[in-house]
């Protein structure tokens, strides 16, 4: 059985770290990941004790590069699904800018994202 939403973006946000994974739901495995825990990313950040939206944006850029290396930036033609409302709700209101920073970094680097349950008026942070 194949899943319609084959590739899904999953985010893990804490006060200190940000991790973004793209999961292949057919095989139940992570196909690409990026995190502020990684030495290469951690060394380039000046987060101090907390990671901010800039760190989230860098995680999104690194994930986009890794998806391109795996030739999965288009999600094999169908795109990579992300439910922004669910991710924000799961992470808490304070992390909404981090979630959007990752999503925007992926989109700006050519990754085809499909936003599920997206409402422009209530979801996007105002700057």
PDB file of N, CA and C in Angstrom:
ATOM      1  N   UNK A   1       0.840  -1.189   0.000  1.00  0.00           N
ATOM      2  CA  UNK A   1       0.000   0.000   0.000  1.00  0.00           C
ATOM      3  C   UNK A   1       0.878   1.244   0.000  1.00  0.00           C
ATOM      4  N   UNK A   2       0.619   2.155  -0.886  1.00  0.00           N
ATOM      5  CA  UNK A   2       1.382   3.395  -0.917  1.00  0.00           C
ATOM      6  C   UNK A   2       0.579   4.508  -0.268  1.00  0.00           C
ATOM      7  N   UNK A   3       1.293   5.374   0.399  1.00  0.00           N
ATOM      8  CA  UNK A   3       0.679   6.497   1.095  1.00  0.00           C
ATOM      9  C   UNK A   3       0.673   7.698   0.171  1.00  0.00           C
ATOM     10  N   UNK A   4      -0.472   8.421   0.098  1.00  0.00           N
ATOM     11  CA  UNK A   4      -0.559   9.596  -0.771  1.00  0.00           C
ATOM     12  C   UNK A   4       0.426  10.678  -0.349  1.00  0.00           C
ATOM     13  N   UNK A   5       0.539  10.906   0.945  1.00  0.00           N
ATOM     14  CA  UNK A   5       1.496  11.887   1.459  1.00  0.00           C
ATOM     15  C   UNK A   5       2.778  11.145   1.807  1.00  0.00           C
ATOM     16  N   UNK A   6       3.530  10.789   0.775  1.00  0.00           N
ATOM     17  CA  UNK A   6       4.689   9.926   0.988  1.00  0.00           C
ATOM     18  C   UNK A   6       5.767  10.608   1.812  1.00  0.00           C
ATOM     19  N   UNK A   7       6.182  11.805   1.407  1.00  0.00           N
ATOM     20  CA  UNK A   7       7.243  12.503   2.126  1.00  0.00           C
ATOM     21  C   UNK A   7       6.640  13.595   3.008  1.00  0.00           C
ATOM     22  N   UNK A   8       7.018  13.584   4.280  1.00  0.00           N
ATOM     23  CA  UNK A   8       6.446  14.510   5.253  1.00  0.00           C
ATOM     24  C   UNK A   8       7.578  15.160   6.039  1.00  0.00           C
ATOM     25  N   UNK A   9       7.465  16.471   6.243  1.00  0.00           N
ATOM     26  CA  UNK A   9       8.432  17.215   7.049  1.00  0.00           C
ATOM     27  C   UNK A   9       8.005  17.132   8.507  1.00  0.00           C
ATOM     28  N   UNK A  10       8.924  16.722   9.371  1.00  0.00           N
ATOM     29  CA  UNK A  10       8.686  16.669  10.809  1.00  0.00           C
ATOM     30  C   UNK A  10       9.731  17.530  11.507  1.00  0.00           C
ATOM     31  N   UNK A  11       9.275  18.342  12.451  1.00  0.00           N
ATOM     32  CA  UNK A  11      10.160  19.268  13.162  1.00  0.00           C
ATOM     33  C   UNK A  11      10.188  18.950  14.642  1.00  0.00           C
ATOM     34  N   UNK A  12      11.366  19.117  15.238  1.00  0.00           N
ATOM     35  CA  UNK A  12      11.547  18.954  16.670  1.00  0.00           C
ATOM     36  C   UNK A  12      12.257  20.208  17.161  1.00  0.00           C
ATOM     37  N   UNK A  13      11.578  20.977  17.994  1.00  0.00           N
ATOM     38  CA  UNK A  13      12.107  22.260  18.450  1.00  0.00           C
ATOM     39  C   UNK A  13      12.135  22.254  19.973  1.00  0.00           C
ATOM     40  N   UNK A  14      13.306  22.539  20.532  1.00  0.00           N
ATOM     41  CA  UNK A  14      13.419  22.723  21.975  1.00  0.00           C
ATOM     42  C   UNK A  14      14.056  24.082  22.205  1.00  0.00           C
ATOM     43  N   UNK A  15      14.311  24.428  23.444  1.00  0.00           N
ATOM     44  CA  UNK A  15      14.958  25.712  23.728  1.00  0.00           C
ATOM     45  C   UNK A  15      16.377  25.758  23.176  1.00  0.00           C
ATOM     46  N   UNK A  16      17.051  24.620  23.149  1.00  0.00           N
ATOM     47  CA  UNK A  16      18.451  24.595  22.727  1.00  0.00           C
ATOM     48  C   UNK A  16      18.673  24.109  21.302  1.00  0.00           C
ATOM     49  N   UNK A  17      17.802  23.247  20.801  1.00  0.00           N
ATOM     50  CA  UNK A  17      18.073  22.593  19.524  1.00  0.00           C
ATOM     51  C   UNK A  17      16.867  22.625  18.587  1.00  0.00           C
ATOM     52  N   UNK A  18      17.181  22.534  17.298  1.00  0.00           N
ATOM     53  CA  UNK A  18      16.168  22.437  16.250  1.00  0.00           C
ATOM     54  C   UNK A  18      16.582  21.299  15.329  1.00  0.00           C
ATOM     55  N   UNK A  19      15.654  20.397  15.054  1.00  0.00           N
ATOM     56  CA  UNK A  19      15.911  19.293  14.141  1.00  0.00           C
ATOM     57  C   UNK A  19      14.762  19.223  13.144  1.00  0.00           C
ATOM     58  N   UNK A  20      15.106  19.067  11.882  1.00  0.00           N
ATOM     59  CA  UNK A  20      14.109  18.921  10.820  1.00  0.00           C
ATOM     60  C   UNK A  20      14.398  17.626  10.071  1.00  0.00           C
ATOM     61  N   UNK A  21      13.377  16.797   9.920  1.00  0.00           N
ATOM     62  CA  UNK A  21      13.496  15.523   9.219  1.00  0.00           C
ATOM     63  C   UNK A  21      12.476  15.453   8.099  1.00  0.00           C
ATOM     64  N   UNK A  22      12.858  14.826   7.001  1.00  0.00           N
ATOM     65  CA  UNK A  22      11.900  14.458   5.963  1.00  0.00           C
ATOM     66  C   UNK A  22      11.778  12.949   6.032  1.00  0.00           C
ATOM     67  N   UNK A  23      10.539  12.490   6.264  1.00  0.00           N
ATOM     68  CA  UNK A  23      10.274  11.079   6.487  1.00  0.00           C
ATOM     69  C   UNK A  23       9.573  10.491   5.269  1.00  0.00           C
ATOM     70  N   UNK A  24      10.040   9.327   4.819  1.00  0.00           N
ATOM     71  CA  UNK A  24       9.374   8.558   3.775  1.00  0.00           C
ATOM     72  C   UNK A  24       8.384   7.643   4.487  1.00  0.00           C
ATOM     73  N   UNK A  25       7.108   7.953   4.386  1.00  0.00           N
ATOM     74  CA  UNK A  25       6.089   7.205   5.126  1.00  0.00           C
ATOM     75  C   UNK A  25       5.864   5.810   4.568  1.00  0.00           C
ATOM     76  N   UNK A  26       6.246   5.561   3.316  1.00  0.00           N
ATOM     77  CA  UNK A  26       6.101   4.213   2.763  1.00  0.00           C
ATOM     78  C   UNK A  26       7.082   3.244   3.417  1.00  0.00           C
ATOM     79  N   UNK A  27       8.299   3.710   3.661  1.00  0.00           N
ATOM     80  CA  UNK A  27       9.338   2.853   4.228  1.00  0.00           C
ATOM     81  C   UNK A  27       9.549   3.094   5.714  1.00  0.00           C
ATOM     82  N   UNK A  28       8.963   4.158   6.244  1.00  0.00           N
ATOM     83  CA  UNK A  28       9.131   4.460   7.663  1.00  0.00           C
ATOM     84  C   UNK A  28      10.547   4.865   8.024  1.00  0.00           C
ATOM     85  N   UNK A  29      11.223   5.544   7.103  1.00  0.00           N
ATOM     86  CA  UNK A  29      12.599   5.950   7.400  1.00  0.00           C
ATOM     87  C   UNK A  29      12.806   7.425   7.094  1.00  0.00           C
ATOM     88  N   UNK A  30      13.815   7.982   7.735  1.00  0.00           N
ATOM     89  CA  UNK A  30      14.176   9.373   7.502  1.00  0.00           C
ATOM     90  C   UNK A  30      15.079   9.425   6.273  1.00  0.00           C
ATOM     91  N   UNK A  31      14.701  10.240   5.282  1.00  0.00           N
ATOM     92  CA  UNK A  31      15.493  10.326   4.054  1.00  0.00           C
ATOM     93  C   UNK A  31      16.485  11.483   4.085  1.00  0.00           C
ATOM     94  N   UNK A  32      16.203  12.503   4.896  1.00  0.00           N
ATOM     95  CA  UNK A  32      17.131  13.628   5.038  1.00  0.00           C
ATOM     96  C   UNK A  32      16.873  14.292   6.386  1.00  0.00           C
ATOM     97  N   UNK A  33      17.928  14.790   6.992  1.00  0.00           N
ATOM     98  CA  UNK A  33      17.800  15.430   8.291  1.00  0.00           C
ATOM     99  C   UNK A  33      18.829  16.554   8.420  1.00  0.00           C
ATOM    100  N   UNK A  34      18.507  17.519   9.249  1.00  0.00           N
ATOM    101  CA  UNK A  34      19.448  18.593   9.590  1.00  0.00           C
ATOM    102  C   UNK A  34      19.107  19.048  11.004  1.00  0.00           C
ATOM    103  N   UNK A  35      20.135  19.379  11.772  1.00  0.00           N
ATOM    104  CA  UNK A  35      19.909  19.744  13.160  1.00  0.00           C
ATOM    105  C   UNK A  35      20.999  20.672  13.669  1.00  0.00           C
ATOM    106  N   UNK A  36      20.632  21.504  14.628  1.00  0.00           N
ATOM    107  CA  UNK A  36      21.628  22.367  15.257  1.00  0.00           C
ATOM    108  C   UNK A  36      22.541  21.566  16.189  1.00  0.00           C
ATOM    109  N   UNK A  37      22.244  20.298  16.401  1.00  0.00           N
ATOM    110  CA  UNK A  37      23.104  19.435  17.204  1.00  0.00           C
ATOM    111  C   UNK A  37      24.376  19.087  16.437  1.00  0.00           C
ATOM    112  N   UNK A  38      24.284  19.056  15.110  1.00  0.00           N
ATOM    113  CA  UNK A  38      25.424  18.698  14.269  1.00  0.00           C
ATOM    114  C   UNK A  38      26.564  19.693  14.448  1.00  0.00           C
ATOM    115  N   UNK A  39      27.765  19.174  14.516  1.00  0.00           N
ATOM    116  CA  UNK A  39      28.938  20.012  14.761  1.00  0.00           C
ATOM    117  C   UNK A  39      29.118  21.085  13.678  1.00  0.00           C
ATOM    118  N   UNK A  40      28.919  20.707  12.426  1.00  0.00           N
ATOM    119  CA  UNK A  40      29.117  21.658  11.324  1.00  0.00           C
ATOM    120  C   UNK A  40      28.140  22.830  11.408  1.00  0.00           C
ATOM    121  N   UNK A  41      26.903  22.559  11.774  1.00  0.00           N
ATOM    122  CA  UNK A  41      25.908  23.625  11.884  1.00  0.00           C
ATOM    123  C   UNK A  41      26.101  24.402  13.176  1.00  0.00           C
ATOM    124  N   UNK A  42      26.310  23.673  14.255  1.00  0.00           N
ATOM    125  CA  UNK A  42      26.471  24.293  15.571  1.00  0.00           C
ATOM    126  C   UNK A  42      27.636  25.273  15.591  1.00  0.00           C
ATOM    127  N   UNK A  43      28.714  24.920  14.904  1.00  0.00           N
ATOM    128  CA  UNK A  43      29.898  25.773  14.872  1.00  0.00           C
ATOM    129  C   UNK A  43      29.686  27.081  14.136  1.00  0.00           C
ATOM    130  N   UNK A  44      28.742  27.097  13.198  1.00  0.00           N
ATOM    131  CA  UNK A  44      28.506  28.315  12.416  1.00  0.00           C
ATOM    132  C   UNK A  44      27.484  29.245  13.065  1.00  0.00           C
ATOM    133  N   UNK A  45      26.858  28.794  14.151  1.00  0.00           N
ATOM    134  CA  UNK A  45      25.820  29.589  14.804  1.00  0.00           C
ATOM    135  C   UNK A  45      26.356  30.291  16.040  1.00  0.00           C
ATOM    136  N   UNK A  46      25.706  31.369  16.364  1.00  0.00           N
ATOM    137  CA  UNK A  46      26.007  32.077  17.596  1.00  0.00           C
ATOM    138  C   UNK A  46      24.747  32.114  18.451  1.00  0.00           C
ATOM    139  N   UNK A  47      24.218  30.921  18.731  1.00  0.00           N
ATOM    140  CA  UNK A  47      22.947  30.814  19.454  1.00  0.00           C
ATOM    141  C   UNK A  47      23.100  31.086  20.939  1.00  0.00           C
ATOM    142  N   UNK A  48      24.260  30.793  21.455  1.00  0.00           N
ATOM    143  CA  UNK A  48      24.383  30.863  22.894  1.00  0.00           C
ATOM    144  C   UNK A  48      23.597  29.729  23.516  1.00  0.00           C
ATOM    145  N   UNK A  49      22.713  30.032  24.451  1.00  0.00           N
ATOM    146  CA  UNK A  49      21.942  28.991  25.128  1.00  0.00           C
ATOM    147  C   UNK A  49      20.627  28.678  24.442  1.00  0.00           C
ATOM    148  N   UNK A  50      20.279  29.446  23.427  1.00  0.00           N
ATOM    149  CA  UNK A  50      19.008  29.178  22.755  1.00  0.00           C
ATOM    150  C   UNK A  50      19.167  29.335  21.253  1.00  0.00           C
ATOM    151  N   UNK A  51      18.350  28.620  20.517  1.00  0.00           N
ATOM    152  CA  UNK A  51      18.350  28.733  19.062  1.00  0.00           C
ATOM    153  C   UNK A  51      17.201  29.628  18.637  1.00  0.00           C
ATOM    154  N   UNK A  52      17.476  30.487  17.678  1.00  0.00           N
ATOM    155  CA  UNK A  52      16.487  31.457  17.236  1.00  0.00           C
ATOM    156  C   UNK A  52      16.041  31.166  15.805  1.00  0.00           C
ATOM    157  N   UNK A  53      15.318  32.082  15.229  1.00  0.00           N
ATOM    158  CA  UNK A  53      14.814  31.906  13.867  1.00  0.00           C
ATOM    159  C   UNK A  53      15.948  31.841  12.847  1.00  0.00           C
ATOM    160  N   UNK A  54      17.059  32.528  13.106  1.00  0.00           N
ATOM    161  CA  UNK A  54      18.204  32.463  12.192  1.00  0.00           C
ATOM    162  C   UNK A  54      18.764  31.043  12.160  1.00  0.00           C
ATOM    163  N   UNK A  55      18.864  30.425  13.315  1.00  0.00           N
ATOM    164  CA  UNK A  55      19.331  29.041  13.381  1.00  0.00           C
ATOM    165  C   UNK A  55      18.354  28.120  12.647  1.00  0.00           C
ATOM    166  N   UNK A  56      17.064  28.357  12.817  1.00  0.00           N
ATOM    167  CA  UNK A  56      16.050  27.557  12.136  1.00  0.00           C
ATOM    168  C   UNK A  56      16.174  27.701  10.624  1.00  0.00           C
ATOM    169  N   UNK A  57      16.444  28.905  10.172  1.00  0.00           N
ATOM    170  CA  UNK A  57      16.619  29.147   8.750  1.00  0.00           C
ATOM    171  C   UNK A  57      17.823  28.386   8.196  1.00  0.00           C
ATOM    172  N   UNK A  58      18.906  28.356   8.939  1.00  0.00           N
ATOM    173  CA  UNK A  58      20.101  27.621   8.511  1.00  0.00           C
ATOM    174  C   UNK A  58      19.810  26.125   8.453  1.00  0.00           C
ATOM    175  N   UNK A  59      19.061  25.613   9.432  1.00  0.00           N
ATOM    176  CA  UNK A  59      18.670  24.202   9.413  1.00  0.00           C
ATOM    177  C   UNK A  59      17.854  23.913   8.156  1.00  0.00           C
ATOM    178  N   UNK A  60      16.933  24.811   7.808  1.00  0.00           N
ATOM    179  CA  UNK A  60      16.141  24.642   6.588  1.00  0.00           C
ATOM    180  C   UNK A  60      16.998  24.639   5.329  1.00  0.00           C
ATOM    181  N   UNK A  61      17.996  25.523   5.272  1.00  0.00           N
ATOM    182  CA  UNK A  61      18.889  25.581   4.108  1.00  0.00           C
ATOM    183  C   UNK A  61      19.711  24.304   3.981  1.00  0.00           C
ATOM    184  N   UNK A  62      20.243  23.816   5.087  1.00  0.00           N
ATOM    185  CA  UNK A  62      21.037  22.585   5.060  1.00  0.00           C
ATOM    186  C   UNK A  62      20.164  21.399   4.653  1.00  0.00           C
ATOM    187  N   UNK A  63      18.953  21.333   5.182  1.00  0.00           N
ATOM    188  CA  UNK A  63      18.036  20.254   4.807  1.00  0.00           C
ATOM    189  C   UNK A  63      17.723  20.316   3.312  1.00  0.00           C
ATOM    190  N   UNK A  64      17.518  21.516   2.784  1.00  0.00           N
ATOM    191  CA  UNK A  64      17.251  21.672   1.350  1.00  0.00           C
ATOM    192  C   UNK A  64      18.421  21.157   0.517  1.00  0.00           C
ATOM    193  N   UNK A  65      19.641  21.481   0.926  1.00  0.00           N
ATOM    194  CA  UNK A  65      20.821  20.996   0.196  1.00  0.00           C
ATOM    195  C   UNK A  65      20.894  19.477   0.225  1.00  0.00           C
ATOM    196  N   UNK A  66      20.597  18.892   1.369  1.00  0.00           N
ATOM    197  CA  UNK A  66      20.644  17.434   1.491  1.00  0.00           C
ATOM    198  C   UNK A  66      19.544  16.763   0.675  1.00  0.00           C
ATOM    199  N   UNK A  67      18.386  17.386   0.589  1.00  0.00           N
ATOM    200  CA  UNK A  67      17.319  16.850  -0.255  1.00  0.00           C
ATOM    201  C   UNK A  67      17.719  16.898  -1.723  1.00  0.00           C
ATOM    202  N   UNK A  68      18.411  17.966  -2.119  1.00  0.00           N
ATOM    203  CA  UNK A  68      18.859  18.075  -3.510  1.00  0.00           C
ATOM    204  C   UNK A  68      19.904  17.018  -3.828  1.00  0.00           C
ATOM    205  N   UNK A  69      20.788  16.728  -2.887  1.00  0.00           N
ATOM    206  CA  UNK A  69      21.793  15.687  -3.087  1.00  0.00           C
ATOM    207  C   UNK A  69      21.112  14.331  -3.290  1.00  0.00           C
ATOM    208  N   UNK A  70      20.040  14.087  -2.556  1.00  0.00           N
ATOM    209  CA  UNK A  70      19.285  12.833  -2.672  1.00  0.00           C
ATOM    210  C   UNK A  70      18.273  12.877  -3.816  1.00  0.00           C
ATOM    211  N   UNK A  71      18.220  13.994  -4.541  1.00  0.00           N
ATOM    212  CA  UNK A  71      17.257  14.211  -5.623  1.00  0.00           C
ATOM    213  C   UNK A  71      15.816  14.085  -5.144  1.00  0.00           C
ATOM    214  N   UNK A  72      15.545  14.563  -3.935  1.00  0.00           N
ATOM    215  CA  UNK A  72      14.202  14.487  -3.370  1.00  0.00           C
ATOM    216  C   UNK A  72      13.592  15.855  -3.118  1.00  0.00           C
ATOM    217  N   UNK A  73      14.186  16.931  -3.662  1.00  0.00           N
ATOM    218  CA  UNK A  73      13.645  18.262  -3.394  1.00  0.00           C
ATOM    219  C   UNK A  73      12.234  18.441  -3.946  1.00  0.00           C
ATOM    220  N   UNK A  74      11.860  17.609  -4.904  1.00  0.00           N
ATOM    221  CA  UNK A  74      10.502  17.671  -5.447  1.00  0.00           C
ATOM    222  C   UNK A  74       9.603  16.588  -4.845  1.00  0.00           C
ATOM    223  N   UNK A  75      10.126  15.817  -3.902  1.00  0.00           N
ATOM    224  CA  UNK A  75       9.323  14.746  -3.311  1.00  0.00           C
ATOM    225  C   UNK A  75       8.881  13.747  -4.349  1.00  0.00           C
ATOM    226  N   UNK A  76       9.758  13.438  -5.280  1.00  0.00           N
ATOM    227  CA  UNK A  76       9.476  12.556  -6.425  1.00  0.00           C
ATOM    228  C   UNK A  76       8.251  13.020  -7.188  1.00  0.00           C
ATOM    229  N   UNK A  77       8.165  14.329  -7.400  1.00  0.00           N
ATOM    230  CA  UNK A  77       7.099  14.915  -8.203  1.00  0.00           C
ATOM    231  C   UNK A  77       5.866  15.322  -7.429  1.00  0.00           C
ATOM    232  N   UNK A  78       5.640  14.706  -6.284  1.00  0.00           N
ATOM    233  CA  UNK A  78       4.431  14.998  -5.516  1.00  0.00           C
ATOM    234  C   UNK A  78       4.650  16.098  -4.488  1.00  0.00           C
ATOM    235  N   UNK A  79       5.853  16.365  -4.116  1.00  0.00           N
ATOM    236  CA  UNK A  79       6.136  17.380  -3.119  1.00  0.00           C
ATOM    237  C   UNK A  79       6.285  16.792  -1.725  1.00  0.00           C
ATOM    238  N   UNK A  80       6.750  17.601  -0.820  1.00  0.00           N
ATOM    239  CA  UNK A  80       6.929  17.209   0.572  1.00  0.00           C
ATOM    240  C   UNK A  80       5.842  17.901   1.379  1.00  0.00           C
ATOM    241  N   UNK A  81       5.081  17.130   2.098  1.00  0.00           N
ATOM    242  CA  UNK A  81       3.946  17.652   2.853  1.00  0.00           C
ATOM    243  C   UNK A  81       4.394  18.188   4.206  1.00  0.00           C
ATOM    244  N   UNK A  82       3.789  19.299   4.603  1.00  0.00           N
ATOM    245  CA  UNK A  82       3.996  19.841   5.946  1.00  0.00           C
ATOM    246  C   UNK A  82       2.684  20.456   6.411  1.00  0.00           C
ATOM    247  N   UNK A  83       2.293  20.113   7.616  1.00  0.00           N
ATOM    248  CA  UNK A  83       1.109  20.685   8.223  1.00  0.00           C
ATOM    249  C   UNK A  83       1.602  21.745   9.209  1.00  0.00           C
ATOM    250  N   UNK A  84       1.659  22.989   8.759  1.00  0.00           N
ATOM    251  CA  UNK A  84       2.240  24.069   9.549  1.00  0.00           C
ATOM    252  C   UNK A  84       1.462  24.281  10.844  1.00  0.00           C
ATOM    253  N   UNK A  85       0.134  24.269  10.756  1.00  0.00           N
ATOM    254  CA  UNK A  85      -0.670  24.470  11.967  1.00  0.00           C
ATOM    255  C   UNK A  85      -0.376  23.405  13.010  1.00  0.00           C
ATOM    256  N   UNK A  86      -0.252  22.161  12.575  1.00  0.00           N
ATOM    257  CA  UNK A  86       0.045  21.061  13.500  1.00  0.00           C
ATOM    258  C   UNK A  86       1.429  21.229  14.115  1.00  0.00           C
ATOM    259  N   UNK A  87       2.407  21.606  13.290  1.00  0.00           N
ATOM    260  CA  UNK A  87       3.769  21.788  13.808  1.00  0.00           C
ATOM    261  C   UNK A  87       3.840  22.944  14.795  1.00  0.00           C
ATOM    262  N   UNK A  88       3.150  24.041  14.505  1.00  0.00           N
ATOM    263  CA  UNK A  88       3.133  25.181  15.430  1.00  0.00           C
ATOM    264  C   UNK A  88       2.424  24.793  16.718  1.00  0.00           C
ATOM    265  N   UNK A  89       1.295  24.106  16.584  1.00  0.00           N
ATOM    266  CA  UNK A  89       0.536  23.688  17.756  1.00  0.00           C
ATOM    267  C   UNK A  89       1.349  22.725  18.625  1.00  0.00           C
ATOM    268  N   UNK A  90       2.053  21.836  17.968  1.00  0.00           N
ATOM    269  CA  UNK A  90       2.870  20.849  18.677  1.00  0.00           C
ATOM    270  C   UNK A  90       4.035  21.516  19.401  1.00  0.00           C
ATOM    271  N   UNK A  91       4.598  22.543  18.794  1.00  0.00           N
ATOM    272  CA  UNK A  91       5.778  23.198  19.354  1.00  0.00           C
ATOM    273  C   UNK A  91       5.445  24.353  20.287  1.00  0.00           C
ATOM    274  N   UNK A  92       4.248  24.858  20.199  1.00  0.00           N
ATOM    275  CA  UNK A  92       3.870  25.989  21.039  1.00  0.00           C
ATOM    276  C   UNK A  92       3.966  27.289  20.277  1.00  0.00           C
ATOM    277  N   UNK A  93       3.176  28.248  20.693  1.00  0.00           N
ATOM    278  CA  UNK A  93       3.065  29.524  19.996  1.00  0.00           C
ATOM    279  C   UNK A  93       4.404  30.248  19.900  1.00  0.00           C
ATOM    280  N   UNK A  94       5.250  30.122  20.904  1.00  0.00           N
ATOM    281  CA  UNK A  94       6.525  30.844  20.912  1.00  0.00           C
ATOM    282  C   UNK A  94       7.463  30.393  19.804  1.00  0.00           C
ATOM    283  N   UNK A  95       7.278  29.186  19.296  1.00  0.00           N
ATOM    284  CA  UNK A  95       8.174  28.659  18.276  1.00  0.00           C
ATOM    285  C   UNK A  95       7.635  28.824  16.861  1.00  0.00           C
ATOM    286  N   UNK A  96       6.565  29.569  16.696  1.00  0.00           N
ATOM    287  CA  UNK A  96       5.956  29.730  15.377  1.00  0.00           C
ATOM    288  C   UNK A  96       6.928  30.362  14.379  1.00  0.00           C
ATOM    289  N   UNK A  97       7.736  31.333  14.805  1.00  0.00           N
ATOM    290  CA  UNK A  97       8.682  31.948  13.865  1.00  0.00           C
ATOM    291  C   UNK A  97       9.771  30.965  13.455  1.00  0.00           C
ATOM    292  N   UNK A  98      10.142  30.044  14.330  1.00  0.00           N
ATOM    293  CA  UNK A  98      11.139  29.031  13.977  1.00  0.00           C
ATOM    294  C   UNK A  98      10.575  28.070  12.943  1.00  0.00           C
ATOM    295  N   UNK A  99       9.331  27.664  13.124  1.00  0.00           N
ATOM    296  CA  UNK A  99       8.693  26.760  12.173  1.00  0.00           C
ATOM    297  C   UNK A  99       8.609  27.426  10.807  1.00  0.00           C
ATOM    298  N   UNK A 100       8.150  28.675  10.773  1.00  0.00           N
ATOM    299  CA  UNK A 100       8.047  29.392   9.495  1.00  0.00           C
ATOM    300  C   UNK A 100       9.416  29.672   8.885  1.00  0.00           C
ATOM    301  N   UNK A 101      10.448  29.870   9.705  1.00  0.00           N
ATOM    302  CA  UNK A 101      11.797  30.097   9.179  1.00  0.00           C
ATOM    303  C   UNK A 101      12.286  28.860   8.433  1.00  0.00           C
ATOM    304  N   UNK A 102      12.008  27.679   8.971  1.00  0.00           N
ATOM    305  CA  UNK A 102      12.403  26.438   8.297  1.00  0.00           C
ATOM    306  C   UNK A 102      11.623  26.265   7.000  1.00  0.00           C
ATOM    307  N   UNK A 103      10.316  26.464   7.057  1.00  0.00           N
ATOM    308  CA  UNK A 103       9.463  26.311   5.866  1.00  0.00           C
ATOM    309  C   UNK A 103       9.904  27.281   4.769  1.00  0.00           C
ATOM    310  N   UNK A 104      10.120  28.538   5.127  1.00  0.00           N
ATOM    311  CA  UNK A 104      10.534  29.539   4.133  1.00  0.00           C
ATOM    312  C   UNK A 104      11.916  29.245   3.558  1.00  0.00           C
ATOM    313  N   UNK A 105      12.837  28.780   4.389  1.00  0.00           N
ATOM    314  CA  UNK A 105      14.177  28.441   3.899  1.00  0.00           C
ATOM    315  C   UNK A 105      14.100  27.289   2.901  1.00  0.00           C
ATOM    316  N   UNK A 106      13.284  26.305   3.181  1.00  0.00           N
ATOM    317  CA  UNK A 106      13.120  25.190   2.245  1.00  0.00           C
ATOM    318  C   UNK A 106      12.531  25.676   0.920  1.00  0.00           C
ATOM    319  N   UNK A 107      11.470  26.490   0.998  1.00  0.00           N
ATOM    320  CA  UNK A 107      10.839  27.004  -0.222  1.00  0.00           C
ATOM    321  C   UNK A 107      11.803  27.880  -1.025  1.00  0.00           C
ATOM    322  N   UNK A 108      12.566  28.732  -0.337  1.00  0.00           N
ATOM    323  CA  UNK A 108      13.499  29.629  -1.016  1.00  0.00           C
ATOM    324  C   UNK A 108      14.661  28.888  -1.667  1.00  0.00           C
ATOM    325  N   UNK A 109      14.918  27.665  -1.223  1.00  0.00           N
ATOM    326  CA  UNK A 109      16.006  26.876  -1.788  1.00  0.00           C
ATOM    327  C   UNK A 109      15.508  25.816  -2.763  1.00  0.00           C
ATOM    328  N   UNK A 110      14.294  26.000  -3.261  1.00  0.00           N
ATOM    329  CA  UNK A 110      13.800  25.172  -4.352  1.00  0.00           C
ATOM    330  C   UNK A 110      13.124  23.876  -3.968  1.00  0.00           C
ATOM    331  N   UNK A 111      12.798  23.678  -2.701  1.00  0.00           N
ATOM    332  CA  UNK A 111      12.105  22.463  -2.285  1.00  0.00           C
ATOM    333  C   UNK A 111      10.605  22.665  -2.496  1.00  0.00           C
ATOM    334  N   UNK A 112       9.971  21.694  -3.131  1.00  0.00           N
ATOM    335  CA  UNK A 112       8.535  21.768  -3.387  1.00  0.00           C
ATOM    336  C   UNK A 112       7.798  21.313  -2.131  1.00  0.00           C
ATOM    337  N   UNK A 113       7.166  22.249  -1.445  1.00  0.00           N
ATOM    338  CA  UNK A 113       6.400  21.939  -0.244  1.00  0.00           C
ATOM    339  C   UNK A 113       4.913  22.040  -0.533  1.00  0.00           C
ATOM    340  N   UNK A 114       4.165  21.145   0.063  1.00  0.00           N
ATOM    341  CA  UNK A 114       2.713  21.188  -0.007  1.00  0.00           C
ATOM    342  C   UNK A 114       2.231  21.464   1.405  1.00  0.00           C
ATOM    343  N   UNK A 115       1.629  22.641   1.590  1.00  0.00           N
ATOM    344  CA  UNK A 115       1.167  23.036   2.916  1.00  0.00           C
ATOM    345  C   UNK A 115      -0.225  22.473   3.151  1.00  0.00           C
ATOM    346  N   UNK A 116      -0.330  21.569   4.111  1.00  0.00           N
ATOM    347  CA  UNK A 116      -1.613  20.959   4.464  1.00  0.00           C
ATOM    348  C   UNK A 116      -2.279  21.779   5.547  1.00  0.00           C
ATOM    349  N   UNK A 117      -3.593  21.919   5.480  1.00  0.00           N
ATOM    350  CA  UNK A 117      -4.379  22.641   6.487  1.00  0.00           C
ATOM    351  C   UNK A 117      -3.786  24.013   6.770  1.00  0.00           C
ATOM    352  N   UNK A 118      -3.559  24.761   5.720  1.00  0.00           N
ATOM    353  CA  UNK A 118      -2.903  26.062   5.818  1.00  0.00           C
ATOM    354  C   UNK A 118      -3.935  27.169   5.686  1.00  0.00           C
ATOM    355  N   UNK A 119      -3.893  28.119   6.621  1.00  0.00           N
ATOM    356  CA  UNK A 119      -4.784  29.273   6.584  1.00  0.00           C
ATOM    357  C   UNK A 119      -3.925  30.526   6.670  1.00  0.00           C
ATOM    358  N   UNK A 120      -3.831  31.257   5.595  1.00  0.00           N
ATOM    359  CA  UNK A 120      -2.953  32.441   5.488  1.00  0.00           C
ATOM    360  C   UNK A 120      -3.186  33.450   6.606  1.00  0.00           C
ATOM    361  N   UNK A 121      -4.440  33.685   6.976  1.00  0.00           N
ATOM    362  CA  UNK A 121      -4.744  34.739   7.953  1.00  0.00           C
ATOM    363  C   UNK A 121      -4.307  34.395   9.369  1.00  0.00           C
ATOM    364  N   UNK A 122      -4.374  33.137   9.758  1.00  0.00           N
ATOM    365  CA  UNK A 122      -4.114  32.792  11.153  1.00  0.00           C
ATOM    366  C   UNK A 122      -2.753  32.159  11.384  1.00  0.00           C
ATOM    367  N   UNK A 123      -2.101  31.642  10.344  1.00  0.00           N
ATOM    368  CA  UNK A 123      -0.893  30.858  10.554  1.00  0.00           C
ATOM    369  C   UNK A 123       0.394  31.661  10.473  1.00  0.00           C
ATOM    370  N   UNK A 124       0.501  32.493   9.482  1.00  0.00           N
ATOM    371  CA  UNK A 124       1.772  33.143   9.203  1.00  0.00           C
ATOM    372  C   UNK A 124       2.056  34.253  10.223  1.00  0.00           C
ATOM    373  N   UNK A 125       3.295  34.287  10.744  1.00  0.00           N
ATOM    374  CA  UNK A 125       3.617  35.348  11.707  1.00  0.00           C
ATOM    375  C   UNK A 125       3.693  36.697  11.016  1.00  0.00           C
ATOM    376  N   UNK A 126       3.287  37.713  11.702  1.00  0.00           N
ATOM    377  CA  UNK A 126       3.378  39.059  11.135  1.00  0.00           C
ATOM    378  C   UNK A 126       4.675  39.690  11.607  1.00  0.00           C
ATOM    379  N   UNK A 127       5.386  40.295  10.668  1.00  0.00           N
ATOM    380  CA  UNK A 127       6.691  40.909  10.977  1.00  0.00           C
ATOM    381  C   UNK A 127       6.582  42.412  10.909  1.00  0.00           C
TER     382      UNK A 127
END
